[in-house]
C-alpha atoms as a PDB file:
ATOM      1  CA  MET A   1       3.535  -2.698  19.162  1.00  0.00           C
ATOM      2  CA  SER A   2       5.156  -5.135  16.744  1.00  0.00           C
ATOM      3  CA  THR A   3       3.768  -5.590  13.249  1.00  0.00           C
ATOM      4  CA  LEU A   4       2.212  -8.851  12.134  1.00  0.00           C
ATOM      5  CA  TYR A   5       5.305  -9.553  10.056  1.00  0.00           C
ATOM      6  CA  GLU A   6       7.568  -9.052  13.065  1.00  0.00           C
ATOM      7  CA  GLN A   7       5.411 -11.526  15.007  1.00  0.00           C
ATOM      8  CA  PHE A   8       5.684 -13.950  12.091  1.00  0.00           C
ATOM      9  CA  LEU A   9       9.483 -13.742  12.139  1.00  0.00           C
ATOM     10  CA  ARG A  10       9.489 -14.989  15.735  1.00  0.00           C
ATOM     11  CA  LEU A  11       7.534 -18.139  14.873  1.00  0.00           C
ATOM     12  CA  PRO A  12       9.380 -21.465  14.628  1.00  0.00           C
ATOM     13  CA  GLN A  13       9.418 -23.218  11.261  1.00  0.00           C
ATOM     14  CA  ALA A  14       7.071 -26.143  10.786  1.00  0.00           C
ATOM     15  CA  GLN A  15       8.816 -29.457  11.339  1.00  0.00           C
ATOM     16  CA  LEU A  16       6.142 -31.709   9.860  1.00  0.00           C
ATOM     17  CA  GLU A  17       3.862 -31.123   6.897  1.00  0.00           C
ATOM     18  CA  GLY A  18       0.424 -30.010   8.097  1.00  0.00           C
ATOM     19  CA  THR A  19       1.586 -29.091  11.610  1.00  0.00           C
ATOM     20  CA  PHE A  20       2.181 -25.436  12.456  1.00  0.00           C
ATOM     21  CA  ALA A  21       2.963 -23.117  15.340  1.00  0.00           C
ATOM     22  CA  ALA A  22       0.810 -20.118  14.493  1.00  0.00           C
ATOM     23  CA  ILE A  23      -0.601 -16.693  15.269  1.00  0.00           C
ATOM     24  CA  GLN A  24      -4.396 -16.504  15.511  1.00  0.00           C
ATOM     25  CA  LEU A  25      -5.656 -13.592  13.425  1.00  0.00           C
ATOM     26  CA  SER A  26      -9.222 -13.211  14.668  1.00  0.00           C
ATOM     27  CA  GLN A  27     -11.271 -13.722  17.800  1.00  0.00           C
ATOM     28  CA  VAL A  28     -14.254 -14.590  15.611  1.00  0.00           C
ATOM     29  CA  ARG A  29     -12.734 -16.992  13.084  1.00  0.00           C
ATOM     30  CA  ARG A  30     -10.082 -19.698  13.272  1.00  0.00           C
ATOM     31  CA  ASP A  31      -7.669 -18.142  10.784  1.00  0.00           C
ATOM     32  CA  PHE A  32      -3.929 -18.274  11.376  1.00  0.00           C
ATOM     33  CA  LEU A  33      -0.552 -17.115  10.120  1.00  0.00           C
ATOM     34  CA  ALA A  34       2.263 -19.658  10.345  1.00  0.00           C
ATOM     35  CA  LYS A  35       5.762 -20.359   9.049  1.00  0.00           C
ATOM     36  CA  ASP A  36       6.110 -23.345   6.727  1.00  0.00           C
ATOM     37  CA  ARG A  37       8.948 -25.871   6.639  1.00  0.00           C
ATOM     38  CA  PHE A  38      10.992 -23.566   4.407  1.00  0.00           C
ATOM     39  CA  GLY A  39      10.567 -20.446   6.553  1.00  0.00           C
ATOM     40  CA  ALA A  40       7.963 -18.757   4.350  1.00  0.00           C
ATOM     41  CA  PRO A  41       4.613 -17.327   5.522  1.00  0.00           C
ATOM     42  CA  VAL A  42       1.446 -19.355   5.063  1.00  0.00           C
ATOM     43  CA  PHE A  43      -2.091 -18.242   5.913  1.00  0.00           C
ATOM     44  CA  LEU A  44      -4.544 -20.907   7.100  1.00  0.00           C
ATOM     45  CA  LEU A  45      -8.222 -20.025   6.514  1.00  0.00           C
ATOM     46  CA  HIS A  46     -10.724 -22.204   8.338  1.00  0.00           C
ATOM     47  CA  ASP A  47     -13.205 -23.882   5.970  1.00  0.00           C
ATOM     48  CA  GLU A  48     -16.599 -25.088   7.250  1.00  0.00           C
ATOM     49  CA  SER A  49     -17.539 -26.869   3.987  1.00  0.00           C
ATOM     50  CA  ASN A  50     -17.677 -30.583   3.411  1.00  0.00           C
ATOM     51  CA  SER A  51     -14.531 -31.752   1.643  1.00  0.00           C
ATOM     52  CA  THR A  52     -15.035 -31.831  -2.115  1.00  0.00           C
ATOM     53  CA  PHE A  53     -12.468 -31.511  -4.868  1.00  0.00           C
ATOM     54  CA  THR A  54     -11.465 -27.882  -5.309  1.00  0.00           C
ATOM     55  CA  PRO A  55      -8.505 -27.240  -7.608  1.00  0.00           C
ATOM     56  CA  GLY A  56      -5.661 -25.295  -6.100  1.00  0.00           C
ATOM     57  CA  VAL A  57      -3.886 -22.369  -7.700  1.00  0.00           C
ATOM     58  CA  THR A  58      -0.200 -21.884  -8.421  1.00  0.00           C
ATOM     59  CA  LEU A  59       1.321 -18.592  -9.540  1.00  0.00           C
ATOM     60  CA  LYS A  60       4.955 -17.584  -9.756  1.00  0.00           C
ATOM     61  CA  THR A  61       5.222 -16.692  -6.064  1.00  0.00           C
ATOM     62  CA  ILE A  62       1.856 -17.749  -4.565  1.00  0.00           C
ATOM     63  CA  LYS A  63       0.261 -21.168  -4.091  1.00  0.00           C
ATOM     64  CA  VAL A  64      -3.212 -22.030  -2.751  1.00  0.00           C
ATOM     65  CA  GLN A  65      -4.468 -25.420  -1.534  1.00  0.00           C
ATOM     66  CA  TYR A  66      -7.991 -26.235  -0.330  1.00  0.00           C
ATOM     67  CA  HIS A  67      -9.363 -28.695   2.245  1.00  0.00           C
ATOM     68  CA  VAL A  68      -6.080 -29.427   3.986  1.00  0.00           C
ATOM     69  CA  VAL A  69      -6.331 -30.964   7.460  1.00  0.00           C
ATOM     70  CA  CYS A  70      -3.776 -29.298   9.753  1.00  0.00           C
ATOM     71  CA  GLN A  71      -2.800 -29.225  13.395  1.00  0.00           C
ATOM     72  CA  ILE A  72      -2.274 -25.781  14.916  1.00  0.00           C
ATOM     73  CA  GLU A  73      -0.300 -25.085  18.080  1.00  0.00           C
ATOM     74  CA  ILE A  74      -0.625 -21.809  20.015  1.00  0.00           C
ATOM     75  CA  ASP A  75       0.870 -21.420  23.489  1.00  0.00           C
ATOM     76  CA  LYS A  76       1.395 -25.206  23.680  1.00  0.00           C
ATOM     77  CA  LYS A  77      -2.311 -25.847  22.996  1.00  0.00           C
ATOM     78  CA  LYS A  78      -3.085 -27.915  19.907  1.00  0.00           C
ATOM     79  CA  THR A  79      -6.179 -27.921  17.723  1.00  0.00           C
ATOM     80  CA  ASP A  80      -7.079 -29.627  14.455  1.00  0.00           C
ATOM     81  CA  GLY A  81      -9.079 -28.242  11.578  1.00  0.00           C
ATOM     82  CA  LYS A  82      -9.622 -28.111   7.839  1.00  0.00           C
ATOM     83  CA  PHE A  83      -8.161 -25.106   6.084  1.00  0.00           C
ATOM     84  CA  ALA A  84      -7.402 -23.383   2.826  1.00  0.00           C
ATOM     85  CA  LEU A  85      -3.672 -22.655   2.755  1.00  0.00           C
ATOM     86  CA  ILE A  86      -2.153 -19.624   1.021  1.00  0.00           C
ATOM     87  CA  PHE A  87       1.611 -20.017   0.671  1.00  0.00           C
ATOM     88  CA  CYS A  88       4.222 -17.448  -0.315  1.00  0.00           C
ATOM     89  CA  ASP A  89       7.301 -18.639  -2.201  1.00  0.00           C
ATOM     90  CA  ALA A  90      10.201 -19.386   0.151  1.00  0.00           C
ATOM     91  CA  ASN A  91      12.657 -18.426  -2.603  1.00  0.00           C
ATOM     92  CA  THR A  92      11.351 -14.837  -2.703  1.00  0.00           C
ATOM     93  CA  PRO A  93      11.981 -13.633   0.872  1.00  0.00           C
ATOM     94  CA  ASP A  94      11.755  -9.970  -0.123  1.00  0.00           C
ATOM     95  CA  LEU A  95       8.074 -10.563  -0.895  1.00  0.00           C
ATOM     96  CA  HIS A  96       7.189 -12.069   2.487  1.00  0.00           C
ATOM     97  CA  GLU A  97       6.512  -8.795   4.293  1.00  0.00           C
ATOM     98  CA  LEU A  98       4.291  -7.434   1.511  1.00  0.00           C
ATOM     99  CA  PHE A  99       2.495 -10.775   1.340  1.00  0.00           C
ATOM    100  CA  THR A 100       1.577 -10.774   5.031  1.00  0.00           C
ATOM    101  CA  SER A 101       0.592  -7.091   4.948  1.00  0.00           C
ATOM    102  CA  CYS A 102      -1.732  -7.514   1.953  1.00  0.00           C
ATOM    103  CA  VAL A 103      -3.430 -10.790   2.858  1.00  0.00           C
ATOM    104  CA  ALA A 104      -4.181 -10.084   6.526  1.00  0.00           C
ATOM    105  CA  PRO A 105      -6.641  -7.166   6.038  1.00  0.00           C
ATOM    106  CA  ALA A 106      -8.621  -9.089   3.413  1.00  0.00           C
ATOM    107  CA  LEU A 107      -9.359 -11.983   5.776  1.00  0.00           C
ATOM    108  CA  ALA A 108     -11.737  -9.781   7.743  1.00  0.00           C
ATOM    109  CA  ARG A 109     -14.141 -10.056   4.786  1.00  0.00           C
ATOM    110  CA  LEU A 110     -14.771 -13.745   5.418  1.00  0.00           C
ATOM    111  CA  PRO A 111     -18.037 -14.648   7.188  1.00  0.00           C
ATOM    112  CA  GLU A 112     -17.833 -16.309  10.588  1.00  0.00           C
ATOM    113  CA  SER A 113     -18.587 -19.728   9.076  1.00  0.00           C
ATOM    114  CA  ALA A 114     -16.833 -19.452   5.727  1.00  0.00           C
ATOM    115  CA  GLN A 115     -17.507 -21.977   2.987  1.00  0.00           C
ATOM    116  CA  THR A 116     -15.078 -22.946   0.240  1.00  0.00           C
ATOM    117  CA  SER A 117     -16.888 -20.613  -2.165  1.00  0.00           C
ATOM    118  CA  ASP A 118     -16.348 -17.660   0.208  1.00  0.00           C
ATOM    119  CA  ILE A 119     -12.656 -18.430   0.485  1.00  0.00           C
ATOM    120  CA  ALA A 120     -12.290 -18.945  -3.282  1.00  0.00           C
ATOM    121  CA  THR A 121     -13.807 -15.514  -3.949  1.00  0.00           C
ATOM    122  CA  LEU A 122     -11.374 -13.928  -1.512  1.00  0.00           C
ATOM    123  CA  VAL A 123      -8.442 -15.830  -3.013  1.00  0.00           C
ATOM    124  CA  ALA A 124      -9.357 -14.682  -6.540  1.00  0.00           C
ATOM    125  CA  ALA A 125      -9.181 -11.043  -5.458  1.00  0.00           C
ATOM    126  CA  LEU A 126      -5.846 -11.592  -3.723  1.00  0.00           C
ATOM    127  CA  LEU A 127      -4.365 -13.358  -6.740  1.00  0.00           C
ATOM    128  CA  ASP A 128      -5.346 -10.426  -8.964  1.00  0.00           C
ATOM    129  CA  LEU A 129      -3.401  -8.193  -6.609  1.00  0.00           C
ATOM    130  CA  PHE A 130      -0.328 -10.398  -6.576  1.00  0.00           C
ATOM    131  CA  ARG A 131      -0.317 -10.678 -10.350  1.00  0.00           C
ATOM    132  CA  ALA A 132       0.569  -6.990 -10.179  1.00  0.00           C
ATOM    133  CA  MET A 133       3.857  -8.052  -8.612  1.00  0.00           C
ATOM    134  CA  ASN A 134       4.815  -9.528 -11.985  1.00  0.00           C
ATOM    135  CA  ALA A 135       3.935  -6.347 -13.882  1.00  0.00           C
ATOM    136  CA  PRO A 136       6.001  -3.168 -14.234  1.00  0.00           C
ATOM    137  CA  GLY A 137       5.600  -0.763 -11.317  1.00  0.00           C
ATOM    138  CA  ARG A 138       3.171   2.085 -11.877  1.00  0.00           C
ATOM    139  CA  LYS A 139       5.096   4.700  -9.910  1.00  0.00           C
ATOM    140  CA  ASP A 140       8.714   5.435  -9.055  1.00  0.00           C
ATOM    141  CA  ILE A 141       9.739   5.011  -5.432  1.00  0.00           C
ATOM    142  CA  VAL A 142      10.259   8.752  -4.884  1.00  0.00           C
ATOM    143  CA  GLY A 143       6.679   9.504  -5.933  1.00  0.00           C
ATOM    144  CA  LEU A 144       5.171   6.691  -3.860  1.00  0.00           C
ATOM    145  CA  TRP A 145       7.173   7.652  -0.773  1.00  0.00           C
ATOM    146  CA  ALA A 146       6.100  11.288  -1.131  1.00  0.00           C
ATOM    147  CA  GLU A 147       2.400  10.421  -1.398  1.00  0.00           C
ATOM    148  CA  LEU A 148       2.551   8.188   1.669  1.00  0.00           C
ATOM    149  CA  PHE A 149       4.441  10.883   3.563  1.00  0.00           C
ATOM    150  CA  VAL A 150       1.747  13.444   2.743  1.00  0.00           C
ATOM    151  CA  ILE A 151      -0.920  11.062   4.078  1.00  0.00           C
ATOM    152  CA  THR A 152       0.961  10.791   7.389  1.00  0.00           C
ATOM    153  CA  LEU A 153       0.700  14.566   7.788  1.00  0.00           C
ATOM    154  CA  MET A 154      -3.099  14.660   7.582  1.00  0.00           C
ATOM    155  CA  LYS A 155      -5.093  14.864  10.800  1.00  0.00           C
ATOM    156  CA  ASP A 156      -7.753  12.559   9.356  1.00  0.00           C
ATOM    157  CA  THR A 157      -5.811   9.642   7.926  1.00  0.00           C
ATOM    158  CA  ALA A 158      -8.954   7.862   6.754  1.00  0.00           C
ATOM    159  CA  ASP A 159     -10.112  10.861   4.703  1.00  0.00           C
ATOM    160  CA  ALA A 160      -6.647  11.165   3.185  1.00  0.00           C
ATOM    161  CA  VAL A 161      -6.611   7.507   2.105  1.00  0.00           C
ATOM    162  CA  ARG A 162     -10.136   7.852   0.703  1.00  0.00           C
ATOM    163  CA  ALA A 163      -8.955  10.819  -1.358  1.00  0.00           C
ATOM    164  CA  TRP A 164      -5.827   9.006  -2.576  1.00  0.00           C
ATOM    165  CA  HIS A 165      -6.041   7.808  -6.167  1.00  0.00           C
ATOM    166  CA  ALA A 166      -6.561   4.067  -6.598  1.00  0.00           C
ATOM    167  CA  ASN A 167      -5.064   4.216 -10.095  1.00  0.00           C
ATOM    168  CA  PRO A 168      -1.669   5.923 -10.525  1.00  0.00           C
ATOM    169  CA  TYR A 169      -2.789   7.089 -13.977  1.00  0.00           C
ATOM    170  CA  GLU A 170      -5.620   9.182 -12.569  1.00  0.00           C
ATOM    171  CA  ARG A 171      -5.352  12.898 -13.199  1.00  0.00           C
ATOM    172  CA  PHE A 172      -4.673  13.927  -9.600  1.00  0.00           C
ATOM    173  CA  ASP A 173      -2.917  12.182  -6.718  1.00  0.00           C
ATOM    174  CA  PHE A 174      -5.643  13.159  -4.233  1.00  0.00           C
ATOM    175  CA  SER A 175      -9.207  14.243  -4.916  1.00  0.00           C
ATOM    176  CA  SER A 176     -12.047  15.093  -2.527  1.00  0.00           C
ATOM    177  CA  SER A 177     -15.416  16.763  -3.015  1.00  0.00           C
ATOM    178  CA  ARG A 178     -13.837  20.191  -2.593  1.00  0.00           C
ATOM    179  CA  SER A 179     -10.145  19.887  -3.467  1.00  0.00           C
ATOM    180  CA  VAL A 180      -7.518  18.191  -5.585  1.00  0.00           C
ATOM    181  CA  LEU A 181      -3.851  17.803  -4.707  1.00  0.00           C
ATOM    182  CA  GLU A 182      -0.845  16.873  -6.817  1.00  0.00           C
ATOM    183  CA  VAL A 183       2.274  15.656  -4.980  1.00  0.00           C
ATOM    184  CA  LYS A 184       5.681  16.247  -6.564  1.00  0.00           C
ATOM    185  CA  ALA A 185       9.039  15.175  -5.171  1.00  0.00           C
ATOM    186  CA  SER A 186      12.619  15.616  -6.310  1.00  0.00           C
ATOM    187  CA  HIS A 187      15.563  13.554  -5.104  1.00  0.00           C
ATOM    188  CA  GLY A 188      18.311  16.075  -4.476  1.00  0.00           C
ATOM    189  CA  SER A 189      18.658  19.797  -3.921  1.00  0.00           C
ATOM    190  CA  HIS A 190      16.798  21.184  -6.951  1.00  0.00           C
ATOM    191  CA  ARG A 191      13.036  21.745  -6.708  1.00  0.00           C
ATOM    192  CA  VAL A 192      12.370  20.768 -10.321  1.00  0.00           C
ATOM    193  CA  HIS A 193       9.171  18.856 -11.088  1.00  0.00           C
ATOM    194  CA  GLU A 194       7.458  17.477 -14.175  1.00  0.00           C
ATOM    195  CA  PHE A 195       3.795  18.272 -14.801  1.00  0.00           C
ATOM    196  CA  SER A 196       1.208  17.688 -17.458  1.00  0.00           C
ATOM    197  CA  LEU A 197      -0.933  20.698 -18.263  1.00  0.00           C
ATOM    198  CA  HIS A 198      -4.048  18.743 -17.224  1.00  0.00           C
ATOM    199  CA  GLN A 199      -2.579  18.202 -13.745  1.00  0.00           C
ATOM    200  CA  LEU A 200      -2.699  21.951 -13.144  1.00  0.00           C
ATOM    201  CA  GLN A 201      -6.326  22.378 -14.208  1.00  0.00           C
ATOM    202  CA  PRO A 202      -8.595  21.529 -11.246  1.00  0.00           C
ATOM    203  CA  PRO A 203     -12.267  20.761 -11.928  1.00  0.00           C
ATOM    204  CA  SER A 204     -14.644  23.696 -11.717  1.00  0.00           C
ATOM    205  CA  GLY A 205     -15.475  24.572  -8.124  1.00  0.00           C
ATOM    206  CA  LYS A 206     -12.529  22.677  -6.636  1.00  0.00           C
ATOM    207  CA  ARG A 207      -9.397  24.118  -5.092  1.00  0.00           C
ATOM    208  CA  GLY A 208      -6.197  22.836  -6.684  1.00  0.00           C
ATOM    209  CA  SER A 209      -2.885  22.656  -4.815  1.00  0.00           C
ATOM    210  CA  VAL A 210       0.593  21.230  -5.300  1.00  0.00           C
ATOM    211  CA  ALA A 211       2.739  19.751  -2.527  1.00  0.00           C
ATOM    212  CA  SER A 212       6.430  19.987  -3.394  1.00  0.00           C
ATOM    213  CA  LEU A 213       9.059  17.957  -1.536  1.00  0.00           C
ATOM    214  CA  LEU A 214      12.807  17.513  -1.664  1.00  0.00           C
ATOM    215  CA  LEU A 215      14.009  14.074  -0.578  1.00  0.00           C
ATOM    216  CA  ARG A 216      17.425  12.878   0.510  1.00  0.00           C
ATOM    217  CA  SER A 217      18.483   9.239   0.700  1.00  0.00           C
ATOM    218  CA  GLU A 218      19.540   8.074   4.152  1.00  0.00           C
ATOM    219  CA  VAL A 219      20.681   4.612   5.248  1.00  0.00           C
ATOM    220  CA  ASP A 220      18.857   4.950   8.575  1.00  0.00           C
ATOM    221  CA  GLY A 221      15.919   6.768   7.026  1.00  0.00           C
ATOM    222  CA  VAL A 222      12.296   5.755   6.552  1.00  0.00           C
ATOM    223  CA  GLY A 223      11.107   3.360   3.855  1.00  0.00           C
ATOM    224  CA  VAL A 224       7.811   2.902   2.056  1.00  0.00           C
ATOM    225  CA  LEU A 225       6.719   0.048   4.328  1.00  0.00           C
ATOM    226  CA  ASP A 226       7.481   2.107   7.446  1.00  0.00           C
ATOM    227  CA  LEU A 227       5.126   4.838   6.223  1.00  0.00           C
ATOM    228  CA  ALA A 228       2.484   2.299   5.194  1.00  0.00           C
ATOM    229  CA  TYR A 229       2.503   0.675   8.649  1.00  0.00           C
ATOM    230  CA  GLN A 230       2.168   4.100  10.273  1.00  0.00           C
ATOM    231  CA  ILE A 231      -0.852   4.866   8.097  1.00  0.00           C
ATOM    232  CA  GLU A 232      -2.459   1.448   8.601  1.00  0.00           C
ATOM    233  CA  ALA A 233      -2.282   1.841  12.385  1.00  0.00           C
ATOM    234  CA  LEU A 234      -4.381   5.020  12.111  1.00  0.00           C
ATOM    235  CA  LEU A 235      -7.142   3.536   9.943  1.00  0.00           C
ATOM    236  CA  ASN A 236      -9.029   2.125  12.946  1.00  0.00           C
ATOM    237  CA  GLY A 237      -9.405  -1.315  11.434  1.00  0.00           C
ATOM    238  CA  SER A 238     -11.224  -0.157   8.271  1.00  0.00           C
ATOM    239  CA  ILE A 239     -11.093  -3.138   5.907  1.00  0.00           C
ATOM    240  CA  ASP A 240     -11.688  -1.104   2.744  1.00  0.00           C
ATOM    241  CA  LEU A 241      -9.044   1.505   3.522  1.00  0.00           C
ATOM    242  CA  ARG A 242      -6.419  -1.001   4.672  1.00  0.00           C
ATOM    243  CA  GLU A 243      -6.955  -2.975   1.471  1.00  0.00           C
ATOM    244  CA  LYS A 244      -6.732   0.192  -0.618  1.00  0.00           C
ATOM    245  CA  LEU A 245      -3.520   1.231   1.116  1.00  0.00           C
ATOM    246  CA  TRP A 246      -1.726  -2.048   0.468  1.00  0.00           C
ATOM    247  CA  SER A 247      -3.170  -2.463  -3.015  1.00  0.00           C
ATOM    248  CA  ASN A 248      -1.821   0.955  -3.999  1.00  0.00           C
ATOM    249  CA  VAL A 249       1.581   0.117  -2.542  1.00  0.00           C
ATOM    250  CA  VAL A 250       1.815  -3.257  -4.323  1.00  0.00           C
ATOM    251  CA  LYS A 251       0.703  -1.908  -7.703  1.00  0.00           C
ATOM    252  CA  ALA A 252       3.074   1.037  -7.471  1.00  0.00           C
ATOM    253  CA  LEU A 253       6.036  -1.204  -6.639  1.00  0.00           C
ATOM    254  CA  GLY A 254       5.333  -3.846  -9.287  1.00  0.00           C
ATOM    255  CA  SER A 255       7.918  -6.451 -10.234  1.00  0.00           C
ATOM    256  CA  ASP A 256      10.836  -4.303  -9.070  1.00  0.00           C
ATOM    257  CA  PHE A 257       9.667  -4.369  -5.445  1.00  0.00           C
ATOM    258  CA  THR A 258      12.988  -5.714  -4.173  1.00  0.00           C
ATOM    259  CA  GLY A 259      15.062  -2.793  -5.423  1.00  0.00           C
ATOM    260  CA  LYS A 260      12.462  -0.188  -4.520  1.00  0.00           C
ATOM    261  CA  LEU A 261      12.001  -1.367  -0.946  1.00  0.00           C
ATOM    262  CA  ASP A 262      15.707  -0.804  -0.315  1.00  0.00           C
ATOM    263  CA  HIS A 263      15.280   2.972  -0.714  1.00  0.00           C
ATOM    264  CA  ARG A 264      15.036   4.978   2.507  1.00  0.00           C
ATOM    265  CA  PHE A 265      14.730   8.746   2.863  1.00  0.00           C
ATOM    266  CA  SER A 266      15.291  11.301   5.606  1.00  0.00           C
ATOM    267  CA  LEU A 267      12.049  12.143   7.382  1.00  0.00           C
ATOM    268  CA  ALA A 268      13.575  15.318   8.814  1.00  0.00           C
ATOM    269  CA  ILE A 269      14.587  16.628   5.387  1.00  0.00           C
ATOM    270  CA  ALA A 270      11.197  15.784   3.871  1.00  0.00           C
ATOM    271  CA  SER A 271       9.426  17.652   6.685  1.00  0.00           C
ATOM    272  CA  LYS A 272      11.740  20.639   6.431  1.00  0.00           C
ATOM    273  CA  GLU A 273      11.563  20.857   2.645  1.00  0.00           C
ATOM    274  CA  LEU A 274       7.791  20.448   2.252  1.00  0.00           C
ATOM    275  CA  ARG A 275       6.196  23.376   0.433  1.00  0.00           C
ATOM    276  CA  VAL A 276       2.636  23.985  -0.793  1.00  0.00           C
ATOM    277  CA  LEU A 277       1.335  26.307  -3.510  1.00  0.00           C
ATOM    278  CA  GLY A 278      -1.784  26.773  -5.583  1.00  0.00           C
ATOM    279  CA  MET A 279      -1.939  25.163  -9.009  1.00  0.00           C
ATOM    280  CA  ARG A 280      -2.487  28.558 -10.588  1.00  0.00           C
ATOM    281  CA  ASP A 281       0.857  29.710  -9.175  1.00  0.00           C
ATOM    282  CA  VAL A 282       2.853  27.085 -11.078  1.00  0.00           C
ATOM    283  CA  PRO A 283       4.372  28.566 -14.271  1.00  0.00           C
ATOM    284  CA  ALA A 284       2.790  26.747 -17.198  1.00  0.00           C
ATOM    285  CA  PRO A 285       2.340  27.141 -20.959  1.00  0.00           C
ATOM    286  CA  GLU A 286      -0.946  28.391 -22.351  1.00  0.00           C
ATOM    287  CA  GLN A 287      -3.699  25.926 -23.146  1.00  0.00           C
ATOM    288  CA  PRO A 288      -3.177  25.065 -26.837  1.00  0.00           C
ATOM    289  CA  THR A 289      -5.886  26.240 -29.200  1.00  0.00           C
ATOM    290  CA  ASP A 290      -5.094  23.513 -31.704  1.00  0.00           C
ATOM    291  CA  THR A 291      -7.551  20.696 -30.933  1.00  0.00           C
ATOM    292  CA  ARG A 292      -5.073  18.138 -32.259  1.00  0.00           C
ATOM    293  CA  ILE A 293      -2.957  18.706 -29.132  1.00  0.00           C
ATOM    294  CA  SER A 294      -4.477  16.786 -26.226  1.00  0.00           C
ATOM    295  CA  ASP A 295      -1.935  17.524 -23.494  1.00  0.00           C
ATOM    296  CA  ILE A 296       1.487  19.037 -22.805  1.00  0.00           C
ATOM    297  CA  ARG A 297       4.168  17.804 -20.396  1.00  0.00           C
ATOM    298  CA  PHE A 298       6.833  20.155 -19.073  1.00  0.00           C
ATOM    299  CA  ARG A 299       9.391  20.616 -16.287  1.00  0.00           C
ATOM    300  CA  VAL A 300       9.292  23.546 -13.876  1.00  0.00           C
ATOM    301  CA  ASP A 301      11.911  24.861 -11.457  1.00  0.00           C
ATOM    302  CA  LEU A 302       9.976  26.014  -8.380  1.00  0.00           C
ATOM    303  CA  THR A 303      13.063  27.100  -6.440  1.00  0.00           C
ATOM    304  CA  ASN A 304      12.301  30.822  -6.645  1.00  0.00           C
ATOM    305  CA  ILE A 305       8.500  30.627  -6.607  1.00  0.00           C
ATOM    306  CA  PRO A 306       6.836  31.943  -3.399  1.00  0.00           C
ATOM    307  CA  LEU A 307       5.718  28.858  -1.473  1.00  0.00           C
ATOM    308  CA  ALA A 308       4.174  28.153   1.901  1.00  0.00           C
ATOM    309  CA  THR A 309       6.987  27.347   4.335  1.00  0.00           C
ATOM    310  CA  HIS A 310       7.206  24.002   6.073  1.00  0.00           C
ATOM    311  CA  ASP A 311       5.796  25.557   9.256  1.00  0.00           C
ATOM    312  CA  ASN A 312       2.306  25.913   7.802  1.00  0.00           C
ATOM    313  CA  ALA A 313       2.438  23.592   4.791  1.00  0.00           C
ATOM    314  CA  SER A 314       0.969  20.652   6.707  1.00  0.00           C
ATOM    315  CA  GLN A 315      -1.847  22.910   7.957  1.00  0.00           C
ATOM    316  CA  LEU A 316      -2.615  23.866   4.367  1.00  0.00           C
ATOM    317  CA  LEU A 317      -2.687  20.207   3.375  1.00  0.00           C
ATOM    318  CA  ASP A 318      -5.116  19.469   6.203  1.00  0.00           C
ATOM    319  CA  ALA A 319      -7.380  22.298   5.093  1.00  0.00           C
ATOM    320  CA  LEU A 320      -7.686  20.751   1.633  1.00  0.00           C
ATOM    321  CA  PHE A 321      -9.591  17.761   2.977  1.00  0.00           C
ATOM    322  CA  THR A 322     -11.408  19.300   5.941  1.00  0.00           C
ATOM    323  CA  VAL A 323     -15.142  19.668   5.408  1.00  0.00           C
END
């Protein structure tokens, strides 16, 4: 099945302002994805309100207009309506795929007969997310790829996404009621990872584990968006989890999304070189007794540490989040 972005690419560009060939996004609402006159994606959200002045919004790469009368054509059938339009900048084509992936899940939050106020609330949340595209990324591409890869290994994808940290600065990458998991990846042949001492100290009563991966760049490999699409397809339409998935991806990528999205890694090597061990088995310095020291960061070579082999590592990961 093709992704929404792939369907978008097949659309013809608009020839006249306010007239679009489009993809209908819902059987309940009249919301659409179209291609504007410059080849960029534009979402059209049907607005049931009476037309009153509502100021639009313009950011660096996103523009919003309200109460625009448009004509939509689908399968040679035309319909008119009044819409809020969310445009993505035509001069930033590398953003178009992320834009469509992030906006589409959020539209499911709109009521069947959405008013301007409903749409404005949704737009405000989306703009907060896209402001993150102008901020520094919160995670390097190796770390983000590794976390997404680990999620793809879980039998219950929804539980894995629920356990995934919403803030990259949280103590652990994954946390459930019974377990915490830290994911570490190295690009190359040396299994050397950086930890903070706090990352190896699970809360009382919780099992703490570390997933260690070695990654290798590969031109025909798998990218971050490939993994994200695979995960999204397994979330059974959950609005909250789809939004969390794409929000985490956008915030991790930040303003350097163009360069980061070019990175692709070998899925076969990642699967083969996945290892799992308990946090207590990672060599670490002693907890400092001096209260003026709040944390310690250090690098560890895990090459010669006994680790679960790739044959049962994914089973161990599953067990972490199985009730």
